[in-house]
Amino acid sequence: MEPIRRGDSDDLFEAVVGQDSVMRWLATGRADSRSAARGMCDNHVAHWTRHGYGDFAVRDAATNAFLGRVGLRNRAEYGVDLGFAVHPRAQGRGIAGDGACQCDQGR
């Protein structure tokens, strides 16, 4: 896992933001646009800059395919929380749990 970068916006769109089945649980409640994915990446990068932690890009070890994101976010209304969004083909593989453990260990 590595911090989400601005250059991950197309991957984030394909795996998460463009997927109704993922986005129904997040943000707008429905799939969104490539420009929304760019804005999300900008927000993730800014969060890392402000707080020194944030969301990581999760990639398949064998293929390097972008599978989703997982990480800690500081939200003014809630404090720090763990969030994740994983492409439907990668769900059920323990990605969110493994990512949470790595966040907890300071990676």
C-alpha atoms as a PDB file:
ATOM      1  CA  MET A   1       0.000   0.000   0.000  1.00  0.00           C
ATOM      2  CA  GLU A   2       1.108   3.519  -0.737  1.00  0.00           C
ATOM      3  CA  PRO A   3      -0.572   6.887  -0.187  1.00  0.00           C
ATOM      4  CA  ILE A   4      -3.084   7.846  -2.850  1.00  0.00           C
ATOM      5  CA  ARG A   5      -1.573  10.239  -5.408  1.00  0.00           C
ATOM      6  CA  ARG A   6      -3.192  12.632  -7.848  1.00  0.00           C
ATOM      7  CA  GLY A   7      -2.157  10.252 -10.618  1.00  0.00           C
ATOM      8  CA  ASP A   8      -4.430   7.561  -9.161  1.00  0.00           C
ATOM      9  CA  SER A   9      -7.626   9.381 -10.180  1.00  0.00           C
ATOM     10  CA  ASP A  10      -8.367   7.278 -13.287  1.00  0.00           C
ATOM     11  CA  ASP A  11      -7.792   4.073 -11.311  1.00  0.00           C
ATOM     12  CA  LEU A  12      -9.944   5.389  -8.446  1.00  0.00           C
ATOM     13  CA  PHE A  13     -12.701   6.192 -10.923  1.00  0.00           C
ATOM     14  CA  GLU A  14     -12.611   2.755 -12.557  1.00  0.00           C
ATOM     15  CA  ALA A  15     -12.444   0.782  -9.301  1.00  0.00           C
ATOM     16  CA  VAL A  16     -14.566   2.869  -6.942  1.00  0.00           C
ATOM     17  CA  VAL A  17     -16.117   6.159  -8.051  1.00  0.00           C
ATOM     18  CA  GLY A  18     -17.629   4.772 -11.243  1.00  0.00           C
ATOM     19  CA  GLN A  19     -19.169   1.772  -9.467  1.00  0.00           C
ATOM     20  CA  ASP A  20     -22.768   2.168  -8.260  1.00  0.00           C
ATOM     21  CA  SER A  21     -22.411  -0.928  -6.079  1.00  0.00           C
ATOM     22  CA  VAL A  22     -19.520   0.698  -4.191  1.00  0.00           C
ATOM     23  CA  MET A  23     -20.608   4.326  -4.168  1.00  0.00           C
ATOM     24  CA  ARG A  24     -24.101   3.597  -2.857  1.00  0.00           C
ATOM     25  CA  TRP A  25     -22.443   3.323   0.564  1.00  0.00           C
ATOM     26  CA  LEU A  26     -20.249   6.428   0.165  1.00  0.00           C
ATOM     27  CA  ALA A  27     -20.290  10.155  -0.560  1.00  0.00           C
ATOM     28  CA  THR A  28     -23.034  10.799  -3.116  1.00  0.00           C
ATOM     29  CA  GLY A  29     -24.726   7.403  -2.813  1.00  0.00           C
ATOM     30  CA  ARG A  30     -24.277   6.716  -6.533  1.00  0.00           C
ATOM     31  CA  ALA A  31     -21.535   6.406  -9.125  1.00  0.00           C
ATOM     32  CA  ASP A  32     -19.875   9.703  -9.983  1.00  0.00           C
ATOM     33  CA  SER A  33     -17.630  11.231 -12.645  1.00  0.00           C
ATOM     34  CA  ARG A  34     -13.933  11.198 -13.479  1.00  0.00           C
ATOM     35  CA  SER A  35     -13.736  14.811 -12.344  1.00  0.00           C
ATOM     36  CA  ALA A  36     -15.171  13.758  -8.975  1.00  0.00           C
ATOM     37  CA  ALA A  37     -12.445  11.096  -8.735  1.00  0.00           C
ATOM     38  CA  ARG A  38      -9.808  13.767  -9.461  1.00  0.00           C
ATOM     39  CA  GLY A  39     -11.279  15.921  -6.691  1.00  0.00           C
ATOM     40  CA  MET A  40     -11.218  12.969  -4.295  1.00  0.00           C
ATOM     41  CA  CYS A  41      -7.561  12.302  -5.095  1.00  0.00           C
ATOM     42  CA  ASP A  42      -6.768  15.983  -4.497  1.00  0.00           C
ATOM     43  CA  ASN A  43      -8.549  15.749  -1.135  1.00  0.00           C
ATOM     44  CA  HIS A  44      -6.625  12.591  -0.204  1.00  0.00           C
ATOM     45  CA  VAL A  45      -3.288  14.239  -1.072  1.00  0.00           C
ATOM     46  CA  ALA A  46      -4.210  17.360   0.914  1.00  0.00           C
ATOM     47  CA  HIS A  47      -5.210  15.208   3.888  1.00  0.00           C
ATOM     48  CA  TRP A  48      -1.828  13.441   3.843  1.00  0.00           C
ATOM     49  CA  THR A  49      -0.101  16.838   3.726  1.00  0.00           C
ATOM     50  CA  ARG A  50      -2.105  18.209   6.672  1.00  0.00           C
ATOM     51  CA  HIS A  51      -2.128  15.163   8.930  1.00  0.00           C
ATOM     52  CA  GLY A  52       0.704  12.866   7.863  1.00  0.00           C
ATOM     53  CA  TYR A  53      -1.713   9.970   7.351  1.00  0.00           C
ATOM     54  CA  GLY A  54      -4.671   9.187   5.124  1.00  0.00           C
ATOM     55  CA  ASP A  55      -5.963   6.807   2.507  1.00  0.00           C
ATOM     56  CA  PHE A  56      -3.754   4.292   0.761  1.00  0.00           C
ATOM     57  CA  ALA A  57      -4.129   2.953  -2.751  1.00  0.00           C
ATOM     58  CA  VAL A  58      -4.568  -0.822  -2.598  1.00  0.00           C
ATOM     59  CA  ARG A  59      -3.120  -2.737  -5.531  1.00  0.00           C
ATOM     60  CA  ASP A  60      -3.052  -6.406  -6.401  1.00  0.00           C
ATOM     61  CA  ALA A  61       0.408  -7.788  -5.580  1.00  0.00           C
ATOM     62  CA  ALA A  62       0.537  -9.975  -8.697  1.00  0.00           C
ATOM     63  CA  THR A  63      -0.876  -7.610 -11.316  1.00  0.00           C
ATOM     64  CA  ASN A  64      -0.533  -4.133  -9.748  1.00  0.00           C
ATOM     65  CA  ALA A  65      -4.218  -3.559 -10.587  1.00  0.00           C
ATOM     66  CA  PHE A  66      -5.838  -0.875  -8.458  1.00  0.00           C
ATOM     67  CA  LEU A  67      -8.364  -2.563  -6.156  1.00  0.00           C
ATOM     68  CA  GLY A  68      -9.515   0.350  -4.020  1.00  0.00           C
ATOM     69  CA  ARG A  69      -8.553   2.497  -1.079  1.00  0.00           C
ATOM     70  CA  VAL A  70      -8.304   2.100   2.675  1.00  0.00           C
ATOM     71  CA  GLY A  71      -7.052   4.433   5.361  1.00  0.00           C
ATOM     72  CA  LEU A  72      -7.569   6.799   8.233  1.00  0.00           C
ATOM     73  CA  ARG A  73      -9.209  10.170   7.843  1.00  0.00           C
ATOM     74  CA  ASN A  74      -9.610  13.022  10.271  1.00  0.00           C
ATOM     75  CA  ARG A  75     -13.173  14.277   9.954  1.00  0.00           C
ATOM     76  CA  ALA A  76     -14.110  17.409  11.867  1.00  0.00           C
ATOM     77  CA  GLU A  77     -17.549  16.077  12.790  1.00  0.00           C
ATOM     78  CA  TYR A  78     -16.411  12.567  13.827  1.00  0.00           C
ATOM     79  CA  GLY A  79     -12.695  12.644  14.582  1.00  0.00           C
ATOM     80  CA  VAL A  80     -10.451   9.997  13.041  1.00  0.00           C
ATOM     81  CA  ASP A  81     -12.173   7.126  11.289  1.00  0.00           C
ATOM     82  CA  LEU A  82     -11.244   4.186   9.119  1.00  0.00           C
ATOM     83  CA  GLY A  83     -12.666   4.204   5.632  1.00  0.00           C
ATOM     84  CA  PHE A  84     -12.431   1.867   2.700  1.00  0.00           C
ATOM     85  CA  ALA A  85     -13.853   1.335  -0.760  1.00  0.00           C
ATOM     86  CA  VAL A  86     -13.008  -1.762  -2.775  1.00  0.00           C
ATOM     87  CA  HIS A  87     -13.907  -2.745  -6.332  1.00  0.00           C
ATOM     88  CA  PRO A  88     -16.618  -5.442  -6.406  1.00  0.00           C
ATOM     89  CA  ARG A  89     -14.246  -8.047  -7.916  1.00  0.00           C
ATOM     90  CA  ALA A  90     -11.913  -7.615  -4.932  1.00  0.00           C
ATOM     91  CA  GLN A  91     -14.507  -7.654  -2.170  1.00  0.00           C
ATOM     92  CA  GLY A  92     -14.480 -10.517   0.279  1.00  0.00           C
ATOM     93  CA  ARG A  93     -10.689 -10.895   0.184  1.00  0.00           C
ATOM     94  CA  GLY A  94      -9.990  -9.172   3.527  1.00  0.00           C
ATOM     95  CA  ILE A  95      -8.562  -6.025   1.956  1.00  0.00           C
ATOM     96  CA  ALA A  96     -10.279  -3.607   4.348  1.00  0.00           C
ATOM     97  CA  GLY A  97      -9.270  -5.626   7.409  1.00  0.00           C
ATOM     98  CA  ASP A  98      -5.674  -6.045   6.280  1.00  0.00           C
ATOM     99  CA  GLY A  99      -5.476  -2.342   5.466  1.00  0.00           C
ATOM    100  CA  ALA A 100      -6.873  -1.443   8.873  1.00  0.00           C
ATOM    101  CA  CYS A 101      -4.210  -3.578  10.550  1.00  0.00           C
ATOM    102  CA  GLN A 102      -1.484  -1.869   8.550  1.00  0.00           C
ATOM    103  CA  CYS A 103      -2.864   1.574   9.478  1.00  0.00           C
ATOM    104  CA  ASP A 104      -2.881   0.510  13.130  1.00  0.00           C
ATOM    105  CA  GLN A 105       0.768  -0.535  12.858  1.00  0.00           C
ATOM    106  CA  GLY A 106       1.749   2.861  11.470  1.00  0.00           C
ATOM    107  CA  ARG A 107       2.547   1.738   7.934  1.00  0.00           C
END
